[in-house]
Amino acid sequence: MHRGSLCQDKYKGDSIVQMIFDDSLSINGHTFTFDFVVDVETSQVLFAVLVGAAFC
């Protein structure tokens, strides 16, 4: 999985979202940990399977 900058601040050119671990993102310096973190290449079908699995 790709790690690093995912989004650029359009005004400053600074990275505002970074993937720091396979299950963690940093957004404007605040770290969030999730059961799953997907990237832009993830299909809607796979995303639905991952989200649906959490409710089973």
PDB file of N, CA and C in Angstrom:
ATOM      1  N   MET A   1       0.833  -1.167   0.000  1.00  0.00           N
ATOM      2  CA  MET A   1       0.000   0.000   0.000  1.00  0.00           C
ATOM      3  C   MET A   1       0.885   1.239   0.000  1.00  0.00           C
ATOM      4  N   HIS A   2       0.471   2.239  -0.707  1.00  0.00           N
ATOM      5  CA  HIS A   2       1.216   3.492  -0.804  1.00  0.00           C
ATOM      6  C   HIS A   2       1.169   4.235   0.526  1.00  0.00           C
ATOM      7  N   ARG A   3       2.293   4.699   0.971  1.00  0.00           N
ATOM      8  CA  ARG A   3       2.352   5.541   2.157  1.00  0.00           C
ATOM      9  C   ARG A   3       2.884   6.891   1.750  1.00  0.00           C
ATOM     10  N   GLY A   4       2.400   7.911   2.379  1.00  0.00           N
ATOM     11  CA  GLY A   4       2.883   9.247   2.104  1.00  0.00           C
ATOM     12  C   GLY A   4       1.736  10.193   1.868  1.00  0.00           C
ATOM     13  N   SER A   5       2.005  11.268   1.162  1.00  0.00           N
ATOM     14  CA  SER A   5       1.033  12.324   0.949  1.00  0.00           C
ATOM     15  C   SER A   5      -0.113  11.857   0.065  1.00  0.00           C
ATOM     16  N   LEU A   6      -1.346  12.107   0.505  1.00  0.00           N
ATOM     17  CA  LEU A   6      -2.523  11.771  -0.273  1.00  0.00           C
ATOM     18  C   LEU A   6      -3.240  13.009  -0.797  1.00  0.00           C
ATOM     19  N   CYS A   7      -3.031  14.141  -0.158  1.00  0.00           N
ATOM     20  CA  CYS A   7      -3.764  15.351  -0.524  1.00  0.00           C
ATOM     21  C   CYS A   7      -2.888  16.568  -0.245  1.00  0.00           C
ATOM     22  N   GLN A   8      -2.914  17.508  -1.130  1.00  0.00           N
ATOM     23  CA  GLN A   8      -2.137  18.736  -0.957  1.00  0.00           C
ATOM     24  C   GLN A   8      -3.059  19.890  -0.574  1.00  0.00           C
ATOM     25  N   ASP A   9      -2.604  20.757   0.325  1.00  0.00           N
ATOM     26  CA  ASP A   9      -3.326  21.968   0.658  1.00  0.00           C
ATOM     27  C   ASP A   9      -3.207  22.892  -0.550  1.00  0.00           C
ATOM     28  N   LYS A  10      -4.319  23.239  -1.156  1.00  0.00           N
ATOM     29  CA  LYS A  10      -4.280  24.016  -2.397  1.00  0.00           C
ATOM     30  C   LYS A  10      -3.749  25.429  -2.202  1.00  0.00           C
ATOM     31  N   TYR A  11      -3.742  25.925  -0.974  1.00  0.00           N
ATOM     32  CA  TYR A  11      -3.258  27.273  -0.730  1.00  0.00           C
ATOM     33  C   TYR A  11      -1.772  27.309  -0.377  1.00  0.00           C
ATOM     34  N   LYS A  12      -1.301  26.317   0.362  1.00  0.00           N
ATOM     35  CA  LYS A  12       0.073  26.319   0.821  1.00  0.00           C
ATOM     36  C   LYS A  12       0.953  25.323   0.076  1.00  0.00           C
ATOM     37  N   GLY A  13       0.346  24.334  -0.563  1.00  0.00           N
ATOM     38  CA  GLY A  13       1.123  23.295  -1.203  1.00  0.00           C
ATOM     39  C   GLY A  13       1.632  22.249  -0.230  1.00  0.00           C
ATOM     40  N   ASP A  14       1.233  22.361   1.044  1.00  0.00           N
ATOM     41  CA  ASP A  14       1.657  21.414   2.068  1.00  0.00           C
ATOM     42  C   ASP A  14       0.751  20.193   2.053  1.00  0.00           C
ATOM     43  N   SER A  15       1.287  19.075   2.462  1.00  0.00           N
ATOM     44  CA  SER A  15       0.501  17.861   2.589  1.00  0.00           C
ATOM     45  C   SER A  15      -0.411  17.982   3.805  1.00  0.00           C
ATOM     46  N   ILE A  16      -1.715  17.722   3.620  1.00  0.00           N
ATOM     47  CA  ILE A  16      -2.634  17.782   4.747  1.00  0.00           C
ATOM     48  C   ILE A  16      -3.091  16.392   5.181  1.00  0.00           C
ATOM     49  N   VAL A  17      -2.948  15.396   4.297  1.00  0.00           N
ATOM     50  CA  VAL A  17      -3.307  14.017   4.630  1.00  0.00           C
ATOM     51  C   VAL A  17      -2.117  13.133   4.316  1.00  0.00           C
ATOM     52  N   GLN A  18      -1.697  12.344   5.290  1.00  0.00           N
ATOM     53  CA  GLN A  18      -0.607  11.406   5.081  1.00  0.00           C
ATOM     54  C   GLN A  18      -0.990  10.056   5.652  1.00  0.00           C
ATOM     55  N   MET A  19      -0.668   9.003   4.900  1.00  0.00           N
ATOM     56  CA  MET A  19      -0.851   7.651   5.402  1.00  0.00           C
ATOM     57  C   MET A  19       0.427   7.296   6.147  1.00  0.00           C
ATOM     58  N   ILE A  20       0.309   7.049   7.471  1.00  0.00           N
ATOM     59  CA  ILE A  20       1.516   6.812   8.255  1.00  0.00           C
ATOM     60  C   ILE A  20       1.721   5.341   8.588  1.00  0.00           C
ATOM     61  N   PHE A  21       0.653   4.561   8.646  1.00  0.00           N
ATOM     62  CA  PHE A  21       0.700   3.112   8.803  1.00  0.00           C
ATOM     63  C   PHE A  21      -0.403   2.529   7.931  1.00  0.00           C
ATOM     64  N   ASP A  22      -0.453   1.217   7.798  1.00  0.00           N
ATOM     65  CA  ASP A  22      -1.493   0.590   6.985  1.00  0.00           C
ATOM     66  C   ASP A  22      -2.897   0.871   7.500  1.00  0.00           C
ATOM     67  N   ASP A  23      -3.016   1.202   8.789  1.00  0.00           N
ATOM     68  CA  ASP A  23      -4.339   1.453   9.361  1.00  0.00           C
ATOM     69  C   ASP A  23      -4.479   2.847   9.966  1.00  0.00           C
ATOM     70  N   SER A  24      -3.544   3.767   9.647  1.00  0.00           N
ATOM     71  CA  SER A  24      -3.565   5.091  10.262  1.00  0.00           C
ATOM     72  C   SER A  24      -3.303   6.202   9.254  1.00  0.00           C
ATOM     73  N   LEU A  25      -4.027   7.308   9.451  1.00  0.00           N
ATOM     74  CA  LEU A  25      -3.845   8.507   8.652  1.00  0.00           C
ATOM     75  C   LEU A  25      -3.538   9.675   9.572  1.00  0.00           C
ATOM     76  N   SER A  26      -2.773  10.614   9.065  1.00  0.00           N
ATOM     77  CA  SER A  26      -2.558  11.871   9.753  1.00  0.00           C
ATOM     78  C   SER A  26      -3.215  12.953   8.909  1.00  0.00           C
ATOM     79  N   ILE A  27      -4.133  13.698   9.515  1.00  0.00           N
ATOM     80  CA  ILE A  27      -4.832  14.781   8.817  1.00  0.00           C
ATOM     81  C   ILE A  27      -4.553  16.060   9.578  1.00  0.00           C
ATOM     82  N   ASN A  28      -3.844  16.963   8.928  1.00  0.00           N
ATOM     83  CA  ASN A  28      -3.434  18.225   9.560  1.00  0.00           C
ATOM     84  C   ASN A  28      -2.779  17.987  10.923  1.00  0.00           C
ATOM     85  N   GLY A  29      -1.964  16.945  11.013  1.00  0.00           N
ATOM     86  CA  GLY A  29      -1.223  16.673  12.229  1.00  0.00           C
ATOM     87  C   GLY A  29      -1.967  15.852  13.269  1.00  0.00           C
ATOM     88  N   HIS A  30      -3.221  15.503  13.020  1.00  0.00           N
ATOM     89  CA  HIS A  30      -3.997  14.675  13.934  1.00  0.00           C
ATOM     90  C   HIS A  30      -4.028  13.254  13.394  1.00  0.00           C
ATOM     91  N   THR A  31      -3.676  12.279  14.228  1.00  0.00           N
ATOM     92  CA  THR A  31      -3.618  10.884  13.801  1.00  0.00           C
ATOM     93  C   THR A  31      -4.932  10.177  14.089  1.00  0.00           C
ATOM     94  N   PHE A  32      -5.408   9.431  13.083  1.00  0.00           N
ATOM     95  CA  PHE A  32      -6.627   8.644  13.194  1.00  0.00           C
ATOM     96  C   PHE A  32      -6.303   7.212  12.808  1.00  0.00           C
ATOM     97  N   THR A  33      -6.774   6.257  13.600  1.00  0.00           N
ATOM     98  CA  THR A  33      -6.547   4.842  13.325  1.00  0.00           C
ATOM     99  C   THR A  33      -7.892   4.191  13.018  1.00  0.00           C
ATOM    100  N   PHE A  34      -7.912   3.367  11.976  1.00  0.00           N
ATOM    101  CA  PHE A  34      -9.131   2.754  11.480  1.00  0.00           C
ATOM    102  C   PHE A  34      -8.958   1.244  11.384  1.00  0.00           C
ATOM    103  N   ASP A  35     -10.079   0.535  11.301  1.00  0.00           N
ATOM    104  CA  ASP A  35     -10.026  -0.901  11.040  1.00  0.00           C
ATOM    105  C   ASP A  35      -9.453  -1.152   9.651  1.00  0.00           C
ATOM    106  N   PHE A  36      -9.821  -0.299   8.698  1.00  0.00           N
ATOM    107  CA  PHE A  36      -9.353  -0.404   7.320  1.00  0.00           C
ATOM    108  C   PHE A  36      -9.060   0.984   6.779  1.00  0.00           C
ATOM    109  N   VAL A  37      -8.012   1.095   5.995  1.00  0.00           N
ATOM    110  CA  VAL A  37      -7.725   2.307   5.242  1.00  0.00           C
ATOM    111  C   VAL A  37      -7.550   1.870   3.803  1.00  0.00           C
ATOM    112  N   VAL A  38      -8.348   2.440   2.920  1.00  0.00           N
ATOM    113  CA  VAL A  38      -8.272   2.082   1.509  1.00  0.00           C
ATOM    114  C   VAL A  38      -7.706   3.252   0.730  1.00  0.00           C
ATOM    115  N   ASP A  39      -7.189   2.961  -0.457  1.00  0.00           N
ATOM    116  CA  ASP A  39      -6.647   4.035  -1.289  1.00  0.00           C
ATOM    117  C   ASP A  39      -7.566   4.276  -2.480  1.00  0.00           C
ATOM    118  N   VAL A  40      -7.163   5.166  -3.352  1.00  0.00           N
ATOM    119  CA  VAL A  40      -8.001   5.551  -4.489  1.00  0.00           C
ATOM    120  C   VAL A  40      -8.190   4.425  -5.494  1.00  0.00           C
ATOM    121  N   GLU A  41      -7.376   3.392  -5.423  1.00  0.00           N
ATOM    122  CA  GLU A  41      -7.489   2.263  -6.349  1.00  0.00           C
ATOM    123  C   GLU A  41      -8.500   1.211  -5.880  1.00  0.00           C
ATOM    124  N   THR A  42      -9.035   1.355  -4.685  1.00  0.00           N
ATOM    125  CA  THR A  42      -9.969   0.374  -4.136  1.00  0.00           C
ATOM    126  C   THR A  42     -11.313   0.474  -4.841  1.00  0.00           C
ATOM    127  N   SER A  43     -11.827  -0.674  -5.273  1.00  0.00           N
ATOM    128  CA  SER A  43     -13.118  -0.685  -5.971  1.00  0.00           C
ATOM    129  C   SER A  43     -14.255  -0.511  -4.965  1.00  0.00           C
ATOM    130  N   GLN A  44     -15.411  -0.097  -5.477  1.00  0.00           N
ATOM    131  CA  GLN A  44     -16.585   0.047  -4.620  1.00  0.00           C
ATOM    132  C   GLN A  44     -17.004  -1.307  -4.055  1.00  0.00           C
ATOM    133  N   VAL A  45     -16.824  -2.364  -4.833  1.00  0.00           N
ATOM    134  CA  VAL A  45     -17.185  -3.709  -4.374  1.00  0.00           C
ATOM    135  C   VAL A  45     -16.323  -4.100  -3.175  1.00  0.00           C
ATOM    136  N   LEU A  46     -15.005  -3.926  -3.276  1.00  0.00           N
ATOM    137  CA  LEU A  46     -14.125  -4.262  -2.162  1.00  0.00           C
ATOM    138  C   LEU A  46     -14.446  -3.394  -0.952  1.00  0.00           C
ATOM    139  N   PHE A  47     -14.687  -2.116  -1.173  1.00  0.00           N
ATOM    140  CA  PHE A  47     -15.029  -1.221  -0.067  1.00  0.00           C
ATOM    141  C   PHE A  47     -16.307  -1.694   0.629  1.00  0.00           C
ATOM    142  N   ALA A  48     -17.316  -2.079  -0.135  1.00  0.00           N
ATOM    143  CA  ALA A  48     -18.576  -2.571   0.432  1.00  0.00           C
ATOM    144  C   ALA A  48     -18.349  -3.844   1.238  1.00  0.00           C
ATOM    145  N   VAL A  49     -17.483  -4.725   0.743  1.00  0.00           N
ATOM    146  CA  VAL A  49     -17.165  -5.956   1.471  1.00  0.00           C
ATOM    147  C   VAL A  49     -16.481  -5.621   2.798  1.00  0.00           C
ATOM    148  N   LEU A  50     -15.526  -4.700   2.772  1.00  0.00           N
ATOM    149  CA  LEU A  50     -14.817  -4.320   3.999  1.00  0.00           C
ATOM    150  C   LEU A  50     -15.747  -3.665   5.009  1.00  0.00           C
ATOM    151  N   VAL A  51     -16.598  -2.771   4.553  1.00  0.00           N
ATOM    152  CA  VAL A  51     -17.516  -2.072   5.454  1.00  0.00           C
ATOM    153  C   VAL A  51     -18.597  -3.026   5.946  1.00  0.00           C
ATOM    154  N   GLY A  52     -19.122  -3.854   5.049  1.00  0.00           N
ATOM    155  CA  GLY A  52     -20.152  -4.815   5.437  1.00  0.00           C
ATOM    156  C   GLY A  52     -19.651  -5.849   6.416  1.00  0.00           C
ATOM    157  N   ALA A  53     -18.388  -6.223   6.293  1.00  0.00           N
ATOM    158  CA  ALA A  53     -17.803  -7.232   7.190  1.00  0.00           C
ATOM    159  C   ALA A  53     -17.771  -6.728   8.622  1.00  0.00           C
ATOM    160  N   ALA A  54     -17.668  -5.445   8.800  1.00  0.00           N
ATOM    161  CA  ALA A  54     -17.621  -4.869  10.156  1.00  0.00           C
ATOM    162  C   ALA A  54     -18.945  -5.032  10.890  1.00  0.00           C
ATOM    163  N   PHE A  55     -20.038  -5.217  10.160  1.00  0.00           N
ATOM    164  CA  PHE A  55     -21.350  -5.332  10.778  1.00  0.00           C
ATOM    165  C   PHE A  55     -21.787  -6.768  10.991  1.00  0.00           C
ATOM    166  N   CYS A  56     -20.974  -7.721  10.578  1.00  0.00           N
ATOM    167  CA  CYS A  56     -21.339  -9.143  10.734  1.00  0.00           C
ATOM    168  C   CYS A  56     -20.859  -9.695  12.052  1.00  0.00           C
TER     169      CYS A  56
END
